[in-house]
Protein backbone atom coordinates (compact mmCIF):
# COMPACT_ATOMS: atom_id res chain seq x y z
CA UNK A 1 0.00 0.00 0.00
CA UNK A 2 1.47 3.44 -0.93
CA UNK A 3 2.36 5.95 1.76
CA UNK A 4 -0.38 8.64 1.62
CA UNK A 5 0.65 10.49 4.75
CA UNK A 6 1.37 14.18 4.40
CA UNK A 7 4.79 15.21 5.63
CA UNK A 8 4.76 17.77 8.45
CA UNK A 9 5.21 21.43 7.64
CA UNK A 10 8.65 22.85 8.31
CA UNK A 11 8.97 24.86 11.52
CA UNK A 12 8.11 28.57 11.23
CA UNK A 13 11.03 30.76 10.24
CA UNK A 14 9.84 33.49 12.62
CA UNK A 15 8.11 33.11 15.96
CA UNK A 16 5.92 36.08 15.06
CA UNK A 17 5.53 38.14 11.91
CA UNK A 18 4.19 41.69 12.19
CA UNK A 19 2.81 43.51 9.15
CA UNK A 20 2.41 47.27 9.56
CA UNK A 21 0.26 48.90 6.89
CA UNK A 22 2.16 51.74 5.24
CA UNK A 23 -0.19 52.26 2.31
CA UNK A 24 -0.53 55.88 1.21
CA UNK A 25 -3.52 57.22 -0.67
CA UNK A 26 -3.92 60.74 -2.05
CA UNK A 27 -4.84 63.35 0.55
CA UNK A 28 -8.59 63.63 0.90
CA UNK A 29 -9.32 60.05 -0.17
CA UNK A 30 -12.62 58.92 1.39
CA UNK A 31 -11.00 55.91 3.11
CA UNK A 32 -7.88 57.70 4.28
CA UNK A 33 -4.63 55.78 4.62
CA UNK A 34 -2.45 54.38 7.34
CA UNK A 35 0.65 56.23 6.11
CA UNK A 36 -1.19 59.56 6.29
CA UNK A 37 -2.00 58.69 9.92
CA UNK A 38 1.62 58.07 10.86
CA UNK A 39 2.15 54.35 10.30
CA UNK A 40 5.58 54.73 8.71
CA UNK A 41 7.04 56.38 11.83
CA UNK A 42 5.34 53.78 14.03
CA UNK A 43 6.80 50.95 11.89
CA UNK A 44 10.29 52.44 12.09
CA UNK A 45 9.95 52.84 15.85
CA UNK A 46 8.64 49.29 16.25
CA UNK A 47 11.52 47.80 14.28
CA UNK A 48 14.14 49.72 16.26
CA UNK A 49 12.47 49.07 19.62
CA UNK A 50 12.05 45.32 18.99
CA UNK A 51 15.77 45.14 18.26
CA UNK A 52 16.61 47.15 21.40
CA UNK A 53 14.47 44.78 23.47
CA UNK A 54 16.22 41.75 21.98
CA UNK A 55 12.98 40.16 20.79
CA UNK A 56 14.35 37.15 18.93
CA UNK A 57 12.36 35.46 16.20
CA UNK A 58 10.23 38.54 15.52
CA UNK A 59 10.03 40.07 12.06
CA UNK A 60 8.44 43.50 11.54
CA UNK A 61 7.57 44.30 7.94
CA UNK A 62 5.97 47.07 6.00
CA UNK A 63 2.77 46.02 4.24
CA UNK A 64 0.74 47.52 1.48
CA UNK A 65 -2.96 48.04 2.02
CA UNK A 66 -4.40 45.67 4.62
CA UNK A 67 -7.93 46.90 3.75
CA UNK A 68 -8.86 48.28 7.16
CA UNK A 69 -7.97 51.86 6.22
CA UNK A 70 -10.73 53.51 8.22
CA UNK A 71 -9.18 52.18 11.43
CA UNK A 72 -5.58 53.10 10.60
CA UNK A 73 -2.87 52.99 11.39
CA UNK A 74 -3.22 49.21 11.53
CA UNK A 75 -0.95 46.23 12.01
CA UNK A 76 -1.53 42.49 12.18
CA UNK A 77 0.55 39.88 14.01
CA UNK A 78 0.83 36.31 12.76
CA UNK A 79 0.57 33.43 13.39
CA UNK A 80 -2.30 34.54 15.66
CA UNK A 81 -3.88 36.98 13.19
CA UNK A 82 -4.39 39.64 15.86
CA UNK A 83 -5.06 43.15 14.55
CA UNK A 84 -4.11 46.34 16.37
CA UNK A 85 -4.63 50.06 15.91
CA UNK A 86 -1.63 51.75 17.54
CA UNK A 87 -1.45 55.54 17.53
CA UNK A 88 1.67 56.32 19.59
CA UNK A 89 5.11 54.91 20.38
CA UNK A 90 3.72 54.04 23.84
CA UNK A 91 1.06 51.88 22.13
CA UNK A 92 3.83 50.13 20.17
CA UNK A 93 5.79 49.55 23.40
CA UNK A 94 2.72 47.98 24.97
CA UNK A 95 2.18 45.67 21.97
CA UNK A 96 5.85 44.64 21.99
CA UNK A 97 5.90 43.92 25.72
CA UNK A 98 2.44 42.45 26.21
CA UNK A 99 1.85 40.55 22.98
CA UNK A 100 5.24 39.77 21.47
CA UNK A 101 7.23 39.30 24.68
CA UNK A 102 4.52 38.14 27.08
CA UNK A 103 2.09 36.31 24.78
CA UNK A 104 -0.86 38.39 26.01
CA UNK A 105 -3.13 40.85 24.25
CA UNK A 106 -3.53 44.61 24.36
CA UNK A 107 -7.34 44.59 24.29
CA UNK A 108 -7.78 48.36 24.19
CA UNK A 109 -5.87 48.52 20.88
CA UNK A 110 -7.29 45.42 19.22
CA UNK A 111 -9.50 45.48 16.17
CA UNK A 112 -12.13 42.75 16.36
CA UNK A 113 -14.73 41.17 14.11
CA UNK A 114 -16.98 44.11 15.05
CA UNK A 115 -14.60 46.58 13.38
CA UNK A 116 -15.67 46.23 9.75
CA UNK A 117 -15.09 48.54 6.83
CA UNK A 118 -18.27 50.46 5.96
CA UNK A 119 -19.89 49.40 2.69
CA UNK A 120 -20.06 51.89 -0.14
C-alpha atoms as a PDB file:
ATOM      1  CA  UNK A   1       0.000   0.000   0.000  1.00  0.00           C
ATOM      2  CA  UNK A   2       1.474   3.437  -0.926  1.00  0.00           C
ATOM      3  CA  UNK A   3       2.358   5.953   1.764  1.00  0.00           C
ATOM      4  CA  UNK A   4      -0.379   8.644   1.618  1.00  0.00           C
ATOM      5  CA  UNK A   5       0.649  10.494   4.746  1.00  0.00           C
ATOM      6  CA  UNK A   6       1.370  14.183   4.405  1.00  0.00           C
ATOM      7  CA  UNK A   7       4.789  15.211   5.627  1.00  0.00           C
ATOM      8  CA  UNK A   8       4.764  17.769   8.445  1.00  0.00           C
ATOM      9  CA  UNK A   9       5.212  21.435   7.643  1.00  0.00           C
ATOM     10  CA  UNK A  10       8.651  22.852   8.307  1.00  0.00           C
ATOM     11  CA  UNK A  11       8.968  24.860  11.519  1.00  0.00           C
ATOM     12  CA  UNK A  12       8.106  28.570  11.228  1.00  0.00           C
ATOM     13  CA  UNK A  13      11.033  30.756  10.238  1.00  0.00           C
ATOM     14  CA  UNK A  14       9.841  33.491  12.620  1.00  0.00           C
ATOM     15  CA  UNK A  15       8.106  33.107  15.964  1.00  0.00           C
ATOM     16  CA  UNK A  16       5.922  36.084  15.060  1.00  0.00           C
ATOM     17  CA  UNK A  17       5.533  38.139  11.912  1.00  0.00           C
ATOM     18  CA  UNK A  18       4.190  41.694  12.187  1.00  0.00           C
ATOM     19  CA  UNK A  19       2.815  43.506   9.149  1.00  0.00           C
ATOM     20  CA  UNK A  20       2.407  47.271   9.557  1.00  0.00           C
ATOM     21  CA  UNK A  21       0.255  48.899   6.887  1.00  0.00           C
ATOM     22  CA  UNK A  22       2.156  51.742   5.239  1.00  0.00           C
ATOM     23  CA  UNK A  23      -0.191  52.256   2.307  1.00  0.00           C
ATOM     24  CA  UNK A  24      -0.532  55.878   1.209  1.00  0.00           C
ATOM     25  CA  UNK A  25      -3.518  57.217  -0.671  1.00  0.00           C
ATOM     26  CA  UNK A  26      -3.924  60.736  -2.052  1.00  0.00           C
ATOM     27  CA  UNK A  27      -4.837  63.348   0.553  1.00  0.00           C
ATOM     28  CA  UNK A  28      -8.590  63.635   0.897  1.00  0.00           C
ATOM     29  CA  UNK A  29      -9.323  60.045  -0.170  1.00  0.00           C
ATOM     30  CA  UNK A  30     -12.620  58.919   1.386  1.00  0.00           C
ATOM     31  CA  UNK A  31     -10.997  55.911   3.112  1.00  0.00           C
ATOM     32  CA  UNK A  32      -7.878  57.705   4.281  1.00  0.00           C
ATOM     33  CA  UNK A  33      -4.632  55.784   4.615  1.00  0.00           C
ATOM     34  CA  UNK A  34      -2.445  54.376   7.339  1.00  0.00           C
ATOM     35  CA  UNK A  35       0.646  56.231   6.113  1.00  0.00           C
ATOM     36  CA  UNK A  36      -1.188  59.559   6.288  1.00  0.00           C
ATOM     37  CA  UNK A  37      -2.002  58.687   9.918  1.00  0.00           C
ATOM     38  CA  UNK A  38       1.620  58.067  10.862  1.00  0.00           C
ATOM     39  CA  UNK A  39       2.152  54.346  10.295  1.00  0.00           C
ATOM     40  CA  UNK A  40       5.584  54.729   8.714  1.00  0.00           C
ATOM     41  CA  UNK A  41       7.036  56.380  11.827  1.00  0.00           C
ATOM     42  CA  UNK A  42       5.345  53.776  14.027  1.00  0.00           C
ATOM     43  CA  UNK A  43       6.799  50.951  11.890  1.00  0.00           C
ATOM     44  CA  UNK A  44      10.289  52.436  12.092  1.00  0.00           C
ATOM     45  CA  UNK A  45       9.951  52.845  15.847  1.00  0.00           C
ATOM     46  CA  UNK A  46       8.636  49.293  16.253  1.00  0.00           C
ATOM     47  CA  UNK A  47      11.518  47.801  14.279  1.00  0.00           C
ATOM     48  CA  UNK A  48      14.137  49.722  16.259  1.00  0.00           C
ATOM     49  CA  UNK A  49      12.471  49.068  19.618  1.00  0.00           C
ATOM     50  CA  UNK A  50      12.046  45.320  18.992  1.00  0.00           C
ATOM     51  CA  UNK A  51      15.774  45.136  18.258  1.00  0.00           C
ATOM     52  CA  UNK A  52      16.612  47.148  21.400  1.00  0.00           C
ATOM     53  CA  UNK A  53      14.471  44.782  23.467  1.00  0.00           C
ATOM     54  CA  UNK A  54      16.222  41.749  21.976  1.00  0.00           C
ATOM     55  CA  UNK A  55      12.982  40.158  20.793  1.00  0.00           C
ATOM     56  CA  UNK A  56      14.353  37.150  18.934  1.00  0.00           C
ATOM     57  CA  UNK A  57      12.359  35.461  16.198  1.00  0.00           C
ATOM     58  CA  UNK A  58      10.234  38.537  15.518  1.00  0.00           C
ATOM     59  CA  UNK A  59      10.027  40.074  12.062  1.00  0.00           C
ATOM     60  CA  UNK A  60       8.441  43.497  11.535  1.00  0.00           C
ATOM     61  CA  UNK A  61       7.575  44.301   7.941  1.00  0.00           C
ATOM     62  CA  UNK A  62       5.967  47.069   5.999  1.00  0.00           C
ATOM     63  CA  UNK A  63       2.773  46.015   4.240  1.00  0.00           C
ATOM     64  CA  UNK A  64       0.741  47.515   1.479  1.00  0.00           C
ATOM     65  CA  UNK A  65      -2.963  48.044   2.025  1.00  0.00           C
ATOM     66  CA  UNK A  66      -4.405  45.672   4.620  1.00  0.00           C
ATOM     67  CA  UNK A  67      -7.926  46.902   3.754  1.00  0.00           C
ATOM     68  CA  UNK A  68      -8.864  48.285   7.158  1.00  0.00           C
ATOM     69  CA  UNK A  69      -7.975  51.860   6.221  1.00  0.00           C
ATOM     70  CA  UNK A  70     -10.734  53.505   8.217  1.00  0.00           C
ATOM     71  CA  UNK A  71      -9.175  52.184  11.426  1.00  0.00           C
ATOM     72  CA  UNK A  72      -5.580  53.097  10.599  1.00  0.00           C
ATOM     73  CA  UNK A  73      -2.870  52.985  11.390  1.00  0.00           C
ATOM     74  CA  UNK A  74      -3.223  49.213  11.534  1.00  0.00           C
ATOM     75  CA  UNK A  75      -0.955  46.232  12.006  1.00  0.00           C
ATOM     76  CA  UNK A  76      -1.525  42.494  12.180  1.00  0.00           C
ATOM     77  CA  UNK A  77       0.551  39.879  14.008  1.00  0.00           C
ATOM     78  CA  UNK A  78       0.825  36.307  12.758  1.00  0.00           C
ATOM     79  CA  UNK A  79       0.566  33.434  13.391  1.00  0.00           C
ATOM     80  CA  UNK A  80      -2.299  34.535  15.656  1.00  0.00           C
ATOM     81  CA  UNK A  81      -3.875  36.978  13.189  1.00  0.00           C
ATOM     82  CA  UNK A  82      -4.385  39.636  15.858  1.00  0.00           C
ATOM     83  CA  UNK A  83      -5.061  43.147  14.547  1.00  0.00           C
ATOM     84  CA  UNK A  84      -4.114  46.336  16.369  1.00  0.00           C
ATOM     85  CA  UNK A  85      -4.627  50.064  15.906  1.00  0.00           C
ATOM     86  CA  UNK A  86      -1.633  51.755  17.535  1.00  0.00           C
ATOM     87  CA  UNK A  87      -1.445  55.540  17.531  1.00  0.00           C
ATOM     88  CA  UNK A  88       1.665  56.320  19.586  1.00  0.00           C
ATOM     89  CA  UNK A  89       5.110  54.910  20.378  1.00  0.00           C
ATOM     90  CA  UNK A  90       3.716  54.043  23.840  1.00  0.00           C
ATOM     91  CA  UNK A  91       1.063  51.878  22.126  1.00  0.00           C
ATOM     92  CA  UNK A  92       3.828  50.133  20.171  1.00  0.00           C
ATOM     93  CA  UNK A  93       5.791  49.547  23.397  1.00  0.00           C
ATOM     94  CA  UNK A  94       2.718  47.981  24.969  1.00  0.00           C
ATOM     95  CA  UNK A  95       2.181  45.667  21.974  1.00  0.00           C
ATOM     96  CA  UNK A  96       5.854  44.637  21.991  1.00  0.00           C
ATOM     97  CA  UNK A  97       5.900  43.915  25.725  1.00  0.00           C
ATOM     98  CA  UNK A  98       2.437  42.448  26.214  1.00  0.00           C
ATOM     99  CA  UNK A  99       1.855  40.549  22.979  1.00  0.00           C
ATOM    100  CA  UNK A 100       5.245  39.775  21.472  1.00  0.00           C
ATOM    101  CA  UNK A 101       7.230  39.299  24.678  1.00  0.00           C
ATOM    102  CA  UNK A 102       4.522  38.143  27.076  1.00  0.00           C
ATOM    103  CA  UNK A 103       2.088  36.312  24.784  1.00  0.00           C
ATOM    104  CA  UNK A 104      -0.858  38.389  26.010  1.00  0.00           C
ATOM    105  CA  UNK A 105      -3.132  40.848  24.247  1.00  0.00           C
ATOM    106  CA  UNK A 106      -3.532  44.614  24.364  1.00  0.00           C
ATOM    107  CA  UNK A 107      -7.343  44.586  24.293  1.00  0.00           C
ATOM    108  CA  UNK A 108      -7.781  48.361  24.194  1.00  0.00           C
ATOM    109  CA  UNK A 109      -5.867  48.524  20.881  1.00  0.00           C
ATOM    110  CA  UNK A 110      -7.286  45.416  19.222  1.00  0.00           C
ATOM    111  CA  UNK A 111      -9.499  45.476  16.171  1.00  0.00           C
ATOM    112  CA  UNK A 112     -12.125  42.750  16.359  1.00  0.00           C
ATOM    113  CA  UNK A 113     -14.729  41.174  14.107  1.00  0.00           C
ATOM    114  CA  UNK A 114     -16.977  44.105  15.051  1.00  0.00           C
ATOM    115  CA  UNK A 115     -14.598  46.578  13.375  1.00  0.00           C
ATOM    116  CA  UNK A 116     -15.671  46.231   9.753  1.00  0.00           C
ATOM    117  CA  UNK A 117     -15.092  48.542   6.832  1.00  0.00           C
ATOM    118  CA  UNK A 118     -18.271  50.463   5.962  1.00  0.00           C
ATOM    119  CA  UNK A 119     -19.891  49.399   2.689  1.00  0.00           C
ATOM    120  CA  UNK A 120     -20.060  51.893  -0.139  1.00  0.00           C
END
